C-alpha atoms as a PDB file:
ATOM      1  CA  MET A   1       1.826  40.696   7.662  1.00  0.00           C
ATOM      2  CA  ASN A   2       2.385  41.652   4.073  1.00  0.00           C
ATOM      3  CA  LYS A   3       4.331  39.919   1.408  1.00  0.00           C
ATOM      4  CA  ALA A   4       7.602  41.549   2.117  1.00  0.00           C
ATOM      5  CA  GLN A   5       7.480  40.513   5.748  1.00  0.00           C
ATOM      6  CA  LEU A   6       6.395  36.891   4.692  1.00  0.00           C
ATOM      7  CA  VAL A   7       9.589  36.778   2.573  1.00  0.00           C
ATOM      8  CA  GLU A   8      11.593  38.017   5.605  1.00  0.00           C
ATOM      9  CA  ALA A   9      10.253  35.403   7.817  1.00  0.00           C
ATOM     10  CA  VAL A  10      10.871  32.642   5.314  1.00  0.00           C
ATOM     11  CA  SER A  11      14.382  33.800   4.525  1.00  0.00           C
ATOM     12  CA  GLY A  12      15.210  33.949   8.192  1.00  0.00           C
ATOM     13  CA  SER A  13      14.485  30.350   8.832  1.00  0.00           C
ATOM     14  CA  VAL A  14      15.157  28.486   5.718  1.00  0.00           C
ATOM     15  CA  CYS A  15      17.134  30.174   2.903  1.00  0.00           C
ATOM     16  CA  THR A  16      18.559  33.310   1.394  1.00  0.00           C
ATOM     17  CA  LYS A  17      16.249  36.281   0.654  1.00  0.00           C
ATOM     18  CA  LYS A  18      16.466  35.684  -3.088  1.00  0.00           C
ATOM     19  CA  GLU A  19      15.494  32.045  -2.790  1.00  0.00           C
ATOM     20  CA  ALA A  20      12.564  33.124  -0.360  1.00  0.00           C
ATOM     21  CA  ILE A  21      11.235  35.649  -2.786  1.00  0.00           C
ATOM     22  CA  ALA A  22      11.256  32.968  -5.430  1.00  0.00           C
ATOM     23  CA  ALA A  23       9.501  30.483  -3.137  1.00  0.00           C
ATOM     24  CA  VAL A  24       6.780  32.838  -2.163  1.00  0.00           C
ATOM     25  CA  GLU A  25       6.100  34.053  -5.705  1.00  0.00           C
ATOM     26  CA  THR A  26       5.985  30.480  -6.946  1.00  0.00           C
ATOM     27  CA  VAL A  27       3.413  29.480  -4.191  1.00  0.00           C
ATOM     28  CA  LEU A  28       1.185  32.607  -4.728  1.00  0.00           C
ATOM     29  CA  GLU A  29       1.244  32.038  -8.563  1.00  0.00           C
ATOM     30  CA  THR A  30       0.328  28.414  -8.210  1.00  0.00           C
ATOM     31  CA  ILE A  31      -2.616  29.234  -6.077  1.00  0.00           C
ATOM     32  CA  LYS A  32      -3.581  32.006  -8.521  1.00  0.00           C
ATOM     33  CA  LYS A  33      -3.509  29.500 -11.397  1.00  0.00           C
ATOM     34  CA  ALA A  34      -5.476  26.844  -9.560  1.00  0.00           C
ATOM     35  CA  LEU A  35      -8.058  29.302  -8.713  1.00  0.00           C
ATOM     36  CA  LYS A  36      -8.435  30.695 -12.259  1.00  0.00           C
ATOM     37  CA  LYS A  37      -9.097  27.070 -13.361  1.00  0.00           C
ATOM     38  CA  LYS A  38     -11.839  27.016 -10.705  1.00  0.00           C
ATOM     39  CA  GLU A  39      -9.982  24.296  -8.567  1.00  0.00           C
ATOM     40  CA  ALA A  40     -10.015  24.291  -4.850  1.00  0.00           C
ATOM     41  CA  VAL A  41      -6.568  24.802  -3.225  1.00  0.00           C
ATOM     42  CA  THR A  42      -6.243  22.918   0.097  1.00  0.00           C
ATOM     43  CA  ILE A  43      -3.368  23.568   2.335  1.00  0.00           C
ATOM     44  CA  SER A  44      -3.425  20.954   5.242  1.00  0.00           C
ATOM     45  CA  GLY A  45      -3.487  22.541   8.751  1.00  0.00           C
ATOM     46  CA  PHE A  46      -4.211  26.062   7.211  1.00  0.00           C
ATOM     47  CA  GLY A  47      -7.339  25.934   5.026  1.00  0.00           C
ATOM     48  CA  THR A  48      -9.114  25.869   1.689  1.00  0.00           C
ATOM     49  CA  PHE A  49      -9.483  28.482  -1.063  1.00  0.00           C
ATOM     50  CA  ASN A  50     -12.416  28.149  -3.303  1.00  0.00           C
ATOM     51  CA  ILE A  51     -14.122  29.971  -6.058  1.00  0.00           C
ATOM     52  CA  LYS A  52     -17.816  30.793  -5.580  1.00  0.00           C
ATOM     53  CA  ARG A  53     -20.230  32.168  -8.140  1.00  0.00           C
ATOM     54  CA  THR A  54     -22.483  34.868  -7.018  1.00  0.00           C
ATOM     55  CA  LYS A  55     -25.908  35.570  -8.613  1.00  0.00           C
ATOM     56  CA  ALA A  56     -26.772  38.776 -10.514  1.00  0.00           C
ATOM     57  CA  ARG A  57     -28.921  40.899  -8.341  1.00  0.00           C
ATOM     58  CA  MET A  58     -30.431  44.414  -7.969  1.00  0.00           C
ATOM     59  CA  GLY A  59     -28.679  46.949  -5.726  1.00  0.00           C
ATOM     60  CA  ARG A  60     -29.027  50.586  -5.011  1.00  0.00           C
ATOM     61  CA  ASN A  61     -26.724  53.473  -5.745  1.00  0.00           C
ATOM     62  CA  PRO A  62     -25.968  54.815  -2.245  1.00  0.00           C
ATOM     63  CA  ARG A  63     -25.626  58.508  -3.670  1.00  0.00           C
ATOM     64  CA  ASN A  64     -28.988  58.797  -5.244  1.00  0.00           C
ATOM     65  CA  GLY A  65     -30.989  55.539  -4.223  1.00  0.00           C
ATOM     66  CA  GLU A  66     -31.295  54.560  -7.946  1.00  0.00           C
ATOM     67  CA  ALA A  67     -31.787  50.847  -8.638  1.00  0.00           C
ATOM     68  CA  ILE A  68     -28.776  49.329 -10.451  1.00  0.00           C
ATOM     69  CA  LYS A  69     -28.033  45.777 -11.765  1.00  0.00           C
ATOM     70  CA  ILE A  70     -25.034  44.124 -10.044  1.00  0.00           C
ATOM     71  CA  SER A  71     -23.726  41.437 -12.472  1.00  0.00           C
ATOM     72  CA  ALA A  72     -22.825  37.872 -11.541  1.00  0.00           C
ATOM     73  CA  ARG A  73     -19.255  37.238 -10.621  1.00  0.00           C
ATOM     74  CA  ASN A  74     -16.664  34.875  -9.405  1.00  0.00           C
ATOM     75  CA  LYS A  75     -15.434  35.463  -5.700  1.00  0.00           C
ATOM     76  CA  VAL A  76     -12.609  33.729  -3.787  1.00  0.00           C
ATOM     77  CA  SER A  77     -13.649  32.256  -0.412  1.00  0.00           C
ATOM     78  CA  PHE A  78     -11.431  30.896   2.277  1.00  0.00           C
ATOM     79  CA  LYS A  79     -12.401  28.316   4.935  1.00  0.00           C
ATOM     80  CA  ALA A  80     -10.042  27.922   7.714  1.00  0.00           C
ATOM     81  CA  SER A  81      -8.966  24.402   8.829  1.00  0.00           C
ATOM     82  CA  LYS A  82      -9.878  23.089  12.248  1.00  0.00           C
ATOM     83  CA  ASP A  83      -6.265  23.389  13.312  1.00  0.00           C
ATOM     84  CA  LEU A  84      -6.111  27.099  12.395  1.00  0.00           C
ATOM     85  CA  LYS A  85      -9.458  27.806  14.057  1.00  0.00           C
ATOM     86  CA  THR A  86      -8.269  26.062  17.193  1.00  0.00           C
ATOM     87  CA  LEU A  87      -5.163  28.089  17.159  1.00  0.00           C
ATOM     88  CA  LEU A  88      -6.977  31.362  16.880  1.00  0.00           C
ATOM     89  CA  GLN A  89      -9.368  30.738  19.808  1.00  0.00           C
END
């Protein structure tokens, strides 16, 4: 499912398409802002989005095998809730 399909699903059951676009955009922007501040976003019954810091490490260029340094960075992780895990089994 992509963002347009999500908007269609929301507008089909709750409101107009214009209102659904605004609602979906607001939710996504709010999640992005919280993650940018390194805050966890927990949606009950769905899961938790977190920011994890990866360490700098050495890697290899797959083309020529040359060693390269991979810098430390932030990654988004998602942990599904127990309810979501049960639903998907």
